[in-house]
Each structure stands twice: as C-alpha cells, then as structure tokens.
Amino acid sequence: MTESKPPTTFISDLRPSRIATVEGTVSELEPVREVEVRGGGVRRVRNGRLTDRTGDISLALWEEDVDSVAVGDRIRIVEGWVSDRRGRPQISLGRTGRLEKLPADLPP
C-alpha cells in the first residue's frame, strides 16, 4: 500500500488565514533570535524564505525547528498556517502543522 500525503499547494496560490501544505526549497535564513511572547516567556524564532517554481514566501520557524533546516534544504510543511505579515503572506507550522525534510534528489 502506498503512503498518502495531503495535496500540495503552490506558493503563488497561498493566501492568509488558511491552512496549507506546501513544498519548496529553503532559499534564505536569518539568524536565530529570541522574542518575548504573550503570557510571558521567551521563544526562539528564525525567519527565512521558502521558494518553489511559482514564487517564494516568508517562512517562520519556532523553537526546535529553528535548527532543523539549512539553506538549500527541500522541505514540506504539512498543514501549516498562512498568516499576513506586514501585508505579505507568511507560512509557519502554527498549532497543528509539521515540517518534513525531503530528499535532495526529489524533483521540485
């Protein structure tokens, strides 16, 4: 039996306030930084860009995910949350999403 996966959305089709599954290449990563969060406490965050053949989108990685990818990695974000960040879409794992690393030889 083959493994099923959620349908993938192209980056150019992503819209804020939606859950989406997207695949792409990490094309840029900023340094890890710490931010204060509502309710108190500090969390690690790292911003970057995710690119596919249709475009690119801002990427936000939190906590353990900040160290899990490098520039050039192919990844799939399953059921990630697309938000509006300064008038542009941004994808993160949100509450229910997960990040999967893809084989480098997998076609884009």
PDB file of N, CA and C in Angstrom:
ATOM      1  N   MET A   1       0.846  -1.171   0.000  1.00  0.00           N
ATOM      2  CA  MET A   1       0.000   0.000   0.000  1.00  0.00           C
ATOM      3  C   MET A   1       0.894   1.237   0.000  1.00  0.00           C
ATOM      4  N   THR A   2       0.560   2.222  -0.830  1.00  0.00           N
ATOM      5  CA  THR A   2       1.364   3.431  -0.896  1.00  0.00           C
ATOM      6  C   THR A   2       0.956   4.410   0.197  1.00  0.00           C
ATOM      7  N   GLU A   3       1.919   5.202   0.608  1.00  0.00           N
ATOM      8  CA  GLU A   3       1.664   6.193   1.650  1.00  0.00           C
ATOM      9  C   GLU A   3       0.961   7.398   1.021  1.00  0.00           C
ATOM     10  N   SER A   4      -0.102   7.856   1.649  1.00  0.00           N
ATOM     11  CA  SER A   4      -0.789   9.023   1.109  1.00  0.00           C
ATOM     12  C   SER A   4      -0.266  10.272   1.789  1.00  0.00           C
ATOM     13  N   LYS A   5      -0.342  11.375   1.066  1.00  0.00           N
ATOM     14  CA  LYS A   5       0.071  12.648   1.632  1.00  0.00           C
ATOM     15  C   LYS A   5      -0.962  13.699   1.257  1.00  0.00           C
ATOM     16  N   PRO A   6      -1.081  14.738   2.064  1.00  0.00           N
ATOM     17  CA  PRO A   6      -2.047  15.787   1.749  1.00  0.00           C
ATOM     18  C   PRO A   6      -1.679  16.472   0.442  1.00  0.00           C
ATOM     19  N   PRO A   7      -2.662  17.000  -0.277  1.00  0.00           N
ATOM     20  CA  PRO A   7      -2.354  17.710  -1.521  1.00  0.00           C
ATOM     21  C   PRO A   7      -1.488  18.930  -1.247  1.00  0.00           C
ATOM     22  N   THR A   8      -0.578  19.204  -2.163  1.00  0.00           N
ATOM     23  CA  THR A   8       0.344  20.311  -2.019  1.00  0.00           C
ATOM     24  C   THR A   8      -0.168  21.529  -2.785  1.00  0.00           C
ATOM     25  N   THR A   9      -0.026  22.698  -2.183  1.00  0.00           N
ATOM     26  CA  THR A   9      -0.408  23.960  -2.799  1.00  0.00           C
ATOM     27  C   THR A   9       0.850  24.658  -3.299  1.00  0.00           C
ATOM     28  N   PHE A  10       0.768  25.302  -4.460  1.00  0.00           N
ATOM     29  CA  PHE A  10       1.889  26.101  -4.938  1.00  0.00           C
ATOM     30  C   PHE A  10       1.989  27.371  -4.105  1.00  0.00           C
ATOM     31  N   ILE A  11       3.189  27.872  -3.914  1.00  0.00           N
ATOM     32  CA  ILE A  11       3.391  29.076  -3.113  1.00  0.00           C
ATOM     33  C   ILE A  11       2.590  30.252  -3.673  1.00  0.00           C
ATOM     34  N   SER A  12       2.520  30.378  -4.990  1.00  0.00           N
ATOM     35  CA  SER A  12       1.788  31.509  -5.581  1.00  0.00           C
ATOM     36  C   SER A  12       0.300  31.486  -5.249  1.00  0.00           C
ATOM     37  N   ASP A  13      -0.223  30.331  -4.826  1.00  0.00           N
ATOM     38  CA  ASP A  13      -1.651  30.204  -4.505  1.00  0.00           C
ATOM     39  C   ASP A  13      -1.955  30.377  -3.019  1.00  0.00           C
ATOM     40  N   LEU A  14      -0.937  30.568  -2.181  1.00  0.00           N
ATOM     41  CA  LEU A  14      -1.152  30.687  -0.737  1.00  0.00           C
ATOM     42  C   LEU A  14      -1.789  32.027  -0.391  1.00  0.00           C
ATOM     43  N   ARG A  15      -2.756  31.982   0.507  1.00  0.00           N
ATOM     44  CA  ARG A  15      -3.454  33.178   0.972  1.00  0.00           C
ATOM     45  C   ARG A  15      -3.524  33.167   2.490  1.00  0.00           C
ATOM     46  N   PRO A  16      -3.452  34.356   3.117  1.00  0.00           N
ATOM     47  CA  PRO A  16      -3.524  34.423   4.580  1.00  0.00           C
ATOM     48  C   PRO A  16      -4.820  33.844   5.137  1.00  0.00           C
ATOM     49  N   SER A  17      -4.743  33.429   6.395  1.00  0.00           N
ATOM     50  CA  SER A  17      -5.867  32.857   7.155  1.00  0.00           C
ATOM     51  C   SER A  17      -6.315  31.516   6.607  1.00  0.00           C
ATOM     52  N   ARG A  18      -5.362  30.750   6.101  1.00  0.00           N
ATOM     53  CA  ARG A  18      -5.650  29.421   5.571  1.00  0.00           C
ATOM     54  C   ARG A  18      -4.616  28.425   6.079  1.00  0.00           C
ATOM     55  N   ILE A  19      -5.018  27.169   6.121  1.00  0.00           N
ATOM     56  CA  ILE A  19      -4.096  26.069   6.398  1.00  0.00           C
ATOM     57  C   ILE A  19      -3.703  25.484   5.054  1.00  0.00           C
ATOM     58  N   ALA A  20      -2.409  25.199   4.867  1.00  0.00           N
ATOM     59  CA  ALA A  20      -1.945  24.703   3.572  1.00  0.00           C
ATOM     60  C   ALA A  20      -0.775  23.751   3.743  1.00  0.00           C
ATOM     61  N   THR A  21      -0.630  22.875   2.769  1.00  0.00           N
ATOM     62  CA  THR A  21       0.540  22.016   2.662  1.00  0.00           C
ATOM     63  C   THR A  21       1.332  22.494   1.460  1.00  0.00           C
ATOM     64  N   VAL A  22       2.614  22.750   1.664  1.00  0.00           N
ATOM     65  CA  VAL A  22       3.453  23.324   0.612  1.00  0.00           C
ATOM     66  C   VAL A  22       4.833  22.681   0.649  1.00  0.00           C
ATOM     67  N   GLU A  23       5.434  22.543  -0.534  1.00  0.00           N
ATOM     68  CA  GLU A  23       6.791  22.024  -0.655  1.00  0.00           C
ATOM     69  C   GLU A  23       7.653  23.088  -1.315  1.00  0.00           C
ATOM     70  N   GLY A  24       8.911  23.159  -0.906  1.00  0.00           N
ATOM     71  CA  GLY A  24       9.811  24.121  -1.515  1.00  0.00           C
ATOM     72  C   GLY A  24      11.222  23.970  -0.999  1.00  0.00           C
ATOM     73  N   THR A  25      12.064  24.883  -1.448  1.00  0.00           N
ATOM     74  CA  THR A  25      13.466  24.914  -1.050  1.00  0.00           C
ATOM     75  C   THR A  25      13.689  26.113  -0.143  1.00  0.00           C
ATOM     76  N   VAL A  26      14.394  25.894   0.951  1.00  0.00           N
ATOM     77  CA  VAL A  26      14.743  26.995   1.846  1.00  0.00           C
ATOM     78  C   VAL A  26      15.803  27.821   1.123  1.00  0.00           C
ATOM     79  N   SER A  27      15.434  29.048   0.731  1.00  0.00           N
ATOM     80  CA  SER A  27      16.342  29.866  -0.072  1.00  0.00           C
ATOM     81  C   SER A  27      17.076  30.922   0.745  1.00  0.00           C
ATOM     82  N   GLU A  28      16.639  31.135   1.981  1.00  0.00           N
ATOM     83  CA  GLU A  28      17.252  32.166   2.819  1.00  0.00           C
ATOM     84  C   GLU A  28      16.909  31.879   4.277  1.00  0.00           C
ATOM     85  N   LEU A  29      17.844  32.140   5.169  1.00  0.00           N
ATOM     86  CA  LEU A  29      17.596  32.008   6.614  1.00  0.00           C
ATOM     87  C   LEU A  29      18.277  33.152   7.346  1.00  0.00           C
ATOM     88  N   GLU A  30      17.540  33.786   8.233  1.00  0.00           N
ATOM     89  CA  GLU A  30      18.105  34.825   9.080  1.00  0.00           C
ATOM     90  C   GLU A  30      18.657  34.167  10.350  1.00  0.00           C
ATOM     91  N   PRO A  31      19.453  34.902  11.114  1.00  0.00           N
ATOM     92  CA  PRO A  31      19.946  34.345  12.377  1.00  0.00           C
ATOM     93  C   PRO A  31      18.787  34.063  13.350  1.00  0.00           C
ATOM     94  N   VAL A  32      19.005  33.102  14.232  1.00  0.00           N
ATOM     95  CA  VAL A  32      18.027  32.778  15.270  1.00  0.00           C
ATOM     96  C   VAL A  32      17.982  33.948  16.250  1.00  0.00           C
ATOM     97  N   ARG A  33      16.770  34.289  16.708  1.00  0.00           N
ATOM     98  CA  ARG A  33      16.630  35.339  17.705  1.00  0.00           C
ATOM     99  C   ARG A  33      15.622  34.899  18.745  1.00  0.00           C
ATOM    100  N   GLU A  34      15.615  35.582  19.869  1.00  0.00           N
ATOM    101  CA  GLU A  34      14.673  35.286  20.947  1.00  0.00           C
ATOM    102  C   GLU A  34      13.667  36.418  21.051  1.00  0.00           C
ATOM    103  N   VAL A  35      12.390  36.047  21.216  1.00  0.00           N
ATOM    104  CA  VAL A  35      11.328  37.045  21.334  1.00  0.00           C
ATOM    105  C   VAL A  35      10.486  36.743  22.558  1.00  0.00           C
ATOM    106  N   GLU A  36      10.003  37.814  23.176  1.00  0.00           N
ATOM    107  CA  GLU A  36       9.075  37.649  24.294  1.00  0.00           C
ATOM    108  C   GLU A  36       7.699  37.363  23.717  1.00  0.00           C
ATOM    109  N   VAL A  37       6.981  36.431  24.338  1.00  0.00           N
ATOM    110  CA  VAL A  37       5.656  36.048  23.858  1.00  0.00           C
ATOM    111  C   VAL A  37       4.596  36.451  24.869  1.00  0.00           C
ATOM    112  N   ARG A  38       3.371  36.600  24.355  1.00  0.00           N
ATOM    113  CA  ARG A  38       2.254  36.917  25.250  1.00  0.00           C
ATOM    114  C   ARG A  38       2.151  35.853  26.329  1.00  0.00           C
ATOM    115  N   GLY A  39       1.801  36.262  27.513  1.00  0.00           N
ATOM    116  CA  GLY A  39       1.696  35.317  28.613  1.00  0.00           C
ATOM    117  C   GLY A  39       3.019  35.101  29.325  1.00  0.00           C
ATOM    118  N   GLY A  40       4.057  35.777  28.866  1.00  0.00           N
ATOM    119  CA  GLY A  40       5.367  35.655  29.498  1.00  0.00           C
ATOM    120  C   GLY A  40       6.224  34.599  28.842  1.00  0.00           C
ATOM    121  N   GLY A  41       7.479  34.710  29.039  1.00  0.00           N
ATOM    122  CA  GLY A  41       8.416  33.741  28.497  1.00  0.00           C
ATOM    123  C   GLY A  41       9.096  34.238  27.225  1.00  0.00           C
ATOM    124  N   VAL A  42      10.088  33.483  26.819  1.00  0.00           N
ATOM    125  CA  VAL A  42      10.879  33.803  25.637  1.00  0.00           C
ATOM    126  C   VAL A  42      10.915  32.572  24.746  1.00  0.00           C
ATOM    127  N   ARG A  43      10.759  32.778  23.441  1.00  0.00           N
ATOM    128  CA  ARG A  43      10.839  31.671  22.481  1.00  0.00           C
ATOM    129  C   ARG A  43      11.838  32.023  21.391  1.00  0.00           C
ATOM    130  N   ARG A  44      12.464  30.974  20.844  1.00  0.00           N
ATOM    131  CA  ARG A  44      13.400  31.161  19.735  1.00  0.00           C
ATOM    132  C   ARG A  44      12.622  31.162  18.416  1.00  0.00           C
ATOM    133  N   VAL A  45      13.011  32.055  17.508  1.00  0.00           N
ATOM    134  CA  VAL A  45      12.375  32.143  16.198  1.00  0.00           C
ATOM    135  C   VAL A  45      13.445  32.418  15.143  1.00  0.00           C
ATOM    136  N   ARG A  46      13.174  31.942  13.942  1.00  0.00           N
ATOM    137  CA  ARG A  46      14.081  32.182  12.818  1.00  0.00           C
ATOM    138  C   ARG A  46      13.232  32.403  11.581  1.00  0.00           C
ATOM    139  N   ASN A  47      13.471  33.511  10.903  1.00  0.00           N
ATOM    140  CA  ASN A  47      12.746  33.806   9.675  1.00  0.00           C
ATOM    141  C   ASN A  47      13.594  33.445   8.470  1.00  0.00           C
ATOM    142  N   GLY A  48      12.925  33.177   7.375  1.00  0.00           N
ATOM    143  CA  GLY A  48      13.615  32.849   6.139  1.00  0.00           C
ATOM    144  C   GLY A  48      12.661  32.951   4.966  1.00  0.00           C
ATOM    145  N   ARG A  49      13.036  32.313   3.862  1.00  0.00           N
ATOM    146  CA  ARG A  49      12.196  32.301   2.666  1.00  0.00           C
ATOM    147  C   ARG A  49      12.128  30.873   2.147  1.00  0.00           C
ATOM    148  N   LEU A  50      10.932  30.511   1.682  1.00  0.00           N
ATOM    149  CA  LEU A  50      10.686  29.209   1.070  1.00  0.00           C
ATOM    150  C   LEU A  50      10.308  29.475  -0.376  1.00  0.00           C
ATOM    151  N   THR A  51      10.938  28.759  -1.312  1.00  0.00           N
ATOM    152  CA  THR A  51      10.775  29.016  -2.734  1.00  0.00           C
ATOM    153  C   THR A  51      10.336  27.747  -3.460  1.00  0.00           C
ATOM    154  N   ASP A  52       9.386  27.906  -4.407  1.00  0.00           N
ATOM    155  CA  ASP A  52       9.087  26.832  -5.355  1.00  0.00           C
ATOM    156  C   ASP A  52       9.092  27.454  -6.748  1.00  0.00           C
ATOM    157  N   ARG A  53       8.698  26.708  -7.769  1.00  0.00           N
ATOM    158  CA  ARG A  53       8.778  27.217  -9.142  1.00  0.00           C
ATOM    159  C   ARG A  53       7.792  28.351  -9.422  1.00  0.00           C
ATOM    160  N   THR A  54       6.858  28.611  -8.491  1.00  0.00           N
ATOM    161  CA  THR A  54       5.852  29.655  -8.711  1.00  0.00           C
ATOM    162  C   THR A  54       6.125  30.931  -7.927  1.00  0.00           C
ATOM    163  N   GLY A  55       7.079  30.903  -7.003  1.00  0.00           N
ATOM    164  CA  GLY A  55       7.357  32.096  -6.214  1.00  0.00           C
ATOM    165  C   GLY A  55       8.013  31.771  -4.891  1.00  0.00           C
ATOM    166  N   ASP A  56       7.951  32.725  -3.985  1.00  0.00           N
ATOM    167  CA  ASP A  56       8.532  32.500  -2.654  1.00  0.00           C
ATOM    168  C   ASP A  56       7.629  33.126  -1.602  1.00  0.00           C
ATOM    169  N   ILE A  57       7.830  32.685  -0.355  1.00  0.00           N
ATOM    170  CA  ILE A  57       7.019  33.143   0.770  1.00  0.00           C
ATOM    171  C   ILE A  57       7.914  33.235   1.996  1.00  0.00           C
ATOM    172  N   SER A  58       7.578  34.177   2.864  1.00  0.00           N
ATOM    173  CA  SER A  58       8.273  34.298   4.140  1.00  0.00           C
ATOM    174  C   SER A  58       7.982  33.049   4.973  1.00  0.00           C
ATOM    175  N   LEU A  59       8.992  32.578   5.667  1.00  0.00           N
ATOM    176  CA  LEU A  59       8.910  31.361   6.468  1.00  0.00           C
ATOM    177  C   LEU A  59       9.290  31.697   7.908  1.00  0.00           C
ATOM    178  N   ALA A  60       8.485  31.277   8.867  1.00  0.00           N
ATOM    179  CA  ALA A  60       8.793  31.475  10.288  1.00  0.00           C
ATOM    180  C   ALA A  60       8.937  30.114  10.951  1.00  0.00           C
ATOM    181  N   LEU A  61      10.088  29.875  11.555  1.00  0.00           N
ATOM    182  CA  LEU A  61      10.359  28.627  12.264  1.00  0.00           C
ATOM    183  C   LEU A  61      10.491  28.945  13.747  1.00  0.00           C
ATOM    184  N   TRP A  62       9.883  28.112  14.594  1.00  0.00           N
ATOM    185  CA  TRP A  62       9.880  28.342  16.038  1.00  0.00           C
ATOM    186  C   TRP A  62      10.524  27.180  16.783  1.00  0.00           C
ATOM    187  N   GLU A  63      11.146  27.521  17.905  1.00  0.00           N
ATOM    188  CA  GLU A  63      11.714  26.576  18.871  1.00  0.00           C
ATOM    189  C   GLU A  63      12.597  25.508  18.215  1.00  0.00           C
ATOM    190  N   GLU A  64      12.246  24.217  18.344  1.00  0.00           N
ATOM    191  CA  GLU A  64      13.140  23.155  17.868  1.00  0.00           C
ATOM    192  C   GLU A  64      13.321  23.171  16.352  1.00  0.00           C
ATOM    193  N   ASP A  65      12.401  23.800  15.618  1.00  0.00           N
ATOM    194  CA  ASP A  65      12.505  23.826  14.160  1.00  0.00           C
ATOM    195  C   ASP A  65      13.545  24.820  13.655  1.00  0.00           C
ATOM    196  N   VAL A  66      13.993  25.762  14.492  1.00  0.00           N
ATOM    197  CA  VAL A  66      14.953  26.766  14.016  1.00  0.00           C
ATOM    198  C   VAL A  66      16.276  26.129  13.597  1.00  0.00           C
ATOM    199  N   ASP A  67      16.626  25.008  14.203  1.00  0.00           N
ATOM    200  CA  ASP A  67      17.895  24.339  13.891  1.00  0.00           C
ATOM    201  C   ASP A  67      17.732  23.139  12.964  1.00  0.00           C
ATOM    202  N   SER A  68      16.516  22.891  12.488  1.00  0.00           N
ATOM    203  CA  SER A  68      16.266  21.659  11.730  1.00  0.00           C
ATOM    204  C   SER A  68      16.473  21.792  10.232  1.00  0.00           C
ATOM    205  N   VAL A  69      16.619  23.013   9.710  1.00  0.00           N
ATOM    206  CA  VAL A  69      16.799  23.190   8.270  1.00  0.00           C
ATOM    207  C   VAL A  69      17.965  24.119   7.984  1.00  0.00           C
ATOM    208  N   ALA A  70      18.482  24.010   6.769  1.00  0.00           N
ATOM    209  CA  ALA A  70      19.566  24.865   6.296  1.00  0.00           C
ATOM    210  C   ALA A  70      19.200  25.389   4.913  1.00  0.00           C
ATOM    211  N   VAL A  71      19.861  26.445   4.492  1.00  0.00           N
ATOM    212  CA  VAL A  71      19.644  26.968   3.146  1.00  0.00           C
ATOM    213  C   VAL A  71      19.942  25.853   2.147  1.00  0.00           C
ATOM    214  N   GLY A  72      19.044  25.677   1.193  1.00  0.00           N
ATOM    215  CA  GLY A  72      19.189  24.632   0.179  1.00  0.00           C
ATOM    216  C   GLY A  72      18.396  23.374   0.471  1.00  0.00           C
ATOM    217  N   ASP A  73      17.918  23.211   1.701  1.00  0.00           N
ATOM    218  CA  ASP A  73      17.109  22.039   2.050  1.00  0.00           C
ATOM    219  C   ASP A  73      15.758  22.097   1.355  1.00  0.00           C
ATOM    220  N   ARG A  74      15.300  20.939   0.889  1.00  0.00           N
ATOM    221  CA  ARG A  74      13.932  20.805   0.363  1.00  0.00           C
ATOM    222  C   ARG A  74      13.062  20.337   1.518  1.00  0.00           C
ATOM    223  N   ILE A  75      11.947  21.038   1.738  1.00  0.00           N
ATOM    224  CA  ILE A  75      11.068  20.699   2.851  1.00  0.00           C
ATOM    225  C   ILE A  75       9.610  20.686   2.410  1.00  0.00           C
ATOM    226  N   ARG A  76       8.806  20.022   3.213  1.00  0.00           N
ATOM    227  CA  ARG A  76       7.350  20.058   3.066  1.00  0.00           C
ATOM    228  C   ARG A  76       6.793  20.531   4.396  1.00  0.00           C
ATOM    229  N   ILE A  77       5.934  21.522   4.353  1.00  0.00           N
ATOM    230  CA  ILE A  77       5.200  21.951   5.537  1.00  0.00           C
ATOM    231  C   ILE A  77       3.791  21.415   5.373  1.00  0.00           C
ATOM    232  N   VAL A  78       3.406  20.517   6.267  1.00  0.00           N
ATOM    233  CA  VAL A  78       2.100  19.866   6.202  1.00  0.00           C
ATOM    234  C   VAL A  78       1.159  20.597   7.149  1.00  0.00           C
ATOM    235  N   GLU A  79       0.061  21.065   6.601  1.00  0.00           N
ATOM    236  CA  GLU A  79      -0.968  21.783   7.353  1.00  0.00           C
ATOM    237  C   GLU A  79      -0.388  22.965   8.121  1.00  0.00           C
ATOM    238  N   GLY A  80       0.443  23.745   7.427  1.00  0.00           N
ATOM    239  CA  GLY A  80       0.991  24.962   8.007  1.00  0.00           C
ATOM    240  C   GLY A  80      -0.032  26.084   7.984  1.00  0.00           C
ATOM    241  N   TRP A  81       0.209  27.112   8.784  1.00  0.00           N
ATOM    242  CA  TRP A  81      -0.691  28.248   8.884  1.00  0.00           C
ATOM    243  C   TRP A  81      -0.124  29.414   8.075  1.00  0.00           C
ATOM    244  N   VAL A  82      -0.927  29.927   7.151  1.00  0.00           N
ATOM    245  CA  VAL A  82      -0.532  31.085   6.360  1.00  0.00           C
ATOM    246  C   VAL A  82      -1.136  32.323   7.018  1.00  0.00           C
ATOM    247  N   SER A  83      -0.291  33.261   7.384  1.00  0.00           N
ATOM    248  CA  SER A  83      -0.750  34.491   8.028  1.00  0.00           C
ATOM    249  C   SER A  83      -0.352  35.693   7.173  1.00  0.00           C
ATOM    250  N   ASP A  84      -0.798  36.864   7.591  1.00  0.00           N
ATOM    251  CA  ASP A  84      -0.458  38.111   6.927  1.00  0.00           C
ATOM    252  C   ASP A  84       0.597  38.807   7.777  1.00  0.00           C
ATOM    253  N   ARG A  85       1.772  38.981   7.238  1.00  0.00           N
ATOM    254  CA  ARG A  85       2.856  39.651   7.969  1.00  0.00           C
ATOM    255  C   ARG A  85       3.261  40.881   7.179  1.00  0.00           C
ATOM    256  N   ARG A  86       2.878  42.020   7.701  1.00  0.00           N
ATOM    257  CA  ARG A  86       3.204  43.300   7.052  1.00  0.00           C
ATOM    258  C   ARG A  86       2.705  43.356   5.613  1.00  0.00           C
ATOM    259  N   GLY A  87       1.478  42.851   5.413  1.00  0.00           N
ATOM    260  CA  GLY A  87       0.852  42.915   4.095  1.00  0.00           C
ATOM    261  C   GLY A  87       1.274  41.836   3.118  1.00  0.00           C
ATOM    262  N   ARG A  88       2.079  40.869   3.575  1.00  0.00           N
ATOM    263  CA  ARG A  88       2.538  39.774   2.704  1.00  0.00           C
ATOM    264  C   ARG A  88       2.300  38.442   3.405  1.00  0.00           C
ATOM    265  N   PRO A  89       2.041  37.386   2.637  1.00  0.00           N
ATOM    266  CA  PRO A  89       1.815  36.085   3.276  1.00  0.00           C
ATOM    267  C   PRO A  89       3.086  35.522   3.907  1.00  0.00           C
ATOM    268  N   GLN A  90       2.893  34.827   5.017  1.00  0.00           N
ATOM    269  CA  GLN A  90       3.980  34.139   5.714  1.00  0.00           C
ATOM    270  C   GLN A  90       3.455  32.784   6.146  1.00  0.00           C
ATOM    271  N   ILE A  91       4.290  31.743   6.045  1.00  0.00           N
ATOM    272  CA  ILE A  91       3.868  30.419   6.493  1.00  0.00           C
ATOM    273  C   ILE A  91       4.692  29.992   7.701  1.00  0.00           C
ATOM    274  N   SER A  92       3.996  29.357   8.645  1.00  0.00           N
ATOM    275  CA  SER A  92       4.634  28.775   9.824  1.00  0.00           C
ATOM    276  C   SER A  92       3.919  27.453  10.106  1.00  0.00           C
ATOM    277  N   LEU A  93       4.392  26.723  11.084  1.00  0.00           N
ATOM    278  CA  LEU A  93       3.750  25.457  11.407  1.00  0.00           C
ATOM    279  C   LEU A  93       2.455  25.658  12.166  1.00  0.00           C
ATOM    280  N   GLY A  94       2.272  26.832  12.752  1.00  0.00           N
ATOM    281  CA  GLY A  94       1.040  27.079  13.506  1.00  0.00           C
ATOM    282  C   GLY A  94       0.904  26.082  14.644  1.00  0.00           C
ATOM    283  N   ARG A  95      -0.325  25.786  15.015  1.00  0.00           N
ATOM    284  CA  ARG A  95      -0.563  24.868  16.137  1.00  0.00           C
ATOM    285  C   ARG A  95      -0.514  23.400  15.731  1.00  0.00           C
ATOM    286  N   THR A  96      -0.874  23.097  14.488  1.00  0.00           N
ATOM    287  CA  THR A  96      -1.037  21.693  14.108  1.00  0.00           C
ATOM    288  C   THR A  96      -0.115  21.234  12.983  1.00  0.00           C
ATOM    289  N   GLY A  97       0.663  22.138  12.408  1.00  0.00           N
ATOM    290  CA  GLY A  97       1.497  21.772  11.271  1.00  0.00           C
ATOM    291  C   GLY A  97       2.726  20.981  11.657  1.00  0.00           C
ATOM    292  N   ARG A  98       3.366  20.422  10.640  1.00  0.00           N
ATOM    293  CA  ARG A  98       4.626  19.712  10.871  1.00  0.00           C
ATOM    294  C   ARG A  98       5.559  19.934   9.686  1.00  0.00           C
ATOM    295  N   LEU A  99       6.836  19.843   9.948  1.00  0.00           N
ATOM    296  CA  LEU A  99       7.861  20.061   8.944  1.00  0.00           C
ATOM    297  C   LEU A  99       8.497  18.724   8.595  1.00  0.00           C
ATOM    298  N   GLU A 100       8.629  18.456   7.294  1.00  0.00           N
ATOM    299  CA  GLU A 100       9.281  17.228   6.830  1.00  0.00           C
ATOM    300  C   GLU A 100      10.404  17.612   5.886  1.00  0.00           C
ATOM    301  N   LYS A 101      11.583  17.036   6.083  1.00  0.00           N
ATOM    302  CA  LYS A 101      12.679  17.233   5.139  1.00  0.00           C
ATOM    303  C   LYS A 101      12.489  16.248   3.990  1.00  0.00           C
ATOM    304  N   LEU A 102      12.721  16.723   2.769  1.00  0.00           N
ATOM    305  CA  LEU A 102      12.556  15.900   1.583  1.00  0.00           C
ATOM    306  C   LEU A 102      13.923  15.517   1.033  1.00  0.00           C
ATOM    307  N   PRO A 103      14.008  14.386   0.329  1.00  0.00           N
ATOM    308  CA  PRO A 103      15.288  14.016  -0.286  1.00  0.00           C
ATOM    309  C   PRO A 103      15.727  15.078  -1.285  1.00  0.00           C
ATOM    310  N   ALA A 104      17.015  15.340  -1.326  1.00  0.00           N
ATOM    311  CA  ALA A 104      17.554  16.374  -2.226  1.00  0.00           C
ATOM    312  C   ALA A 104      17.313  16.042  -3.677  1.00  0.00           C
ATOM    313  N   ASP A 105      17.221  14.757  -4.018  1.00  0.00           N
ATOM    314  CA  ASP A 105      17.056  14.375  -5.417  1.00  0.00           C
ATOM    315  C   ASP A 105      15.595  14.337  -5.868  1.00  0.00           C
ATOM    316  N   LEU A 106      14.669  14.700  -4.980  1.00  0.00           N
ATOM    317  CA  LEU A 106      13.259  14.751  -5.333  1.00  0.00           C
ATOM    318  C   LEU A 106      13.022  15.941  -6.248  1.00  0.00           C
ATOM    319  N   PRO A 107      12.362  15.746  -7.407  1.00  0.00           N
ATOM    320  CA  PRO A 107      12.172  16.878  -8.318  1.00  0.00           C
ATOM    321  C   PRO A 107      11.283  17.945  -7.692  1.00  0.00           C
ATOM    322  N   PRO A 108      11.594  19.236  -7.963  1.00  0.00           N
ATOM    323  CA  PRO A 108      10.798  20.327  -7.404  1.00  0.00           C
ATOM    324  C   PRO A 108       9.397  20.395  -7.973  1.00  0.00           C
TER     325      PRO A 108
END
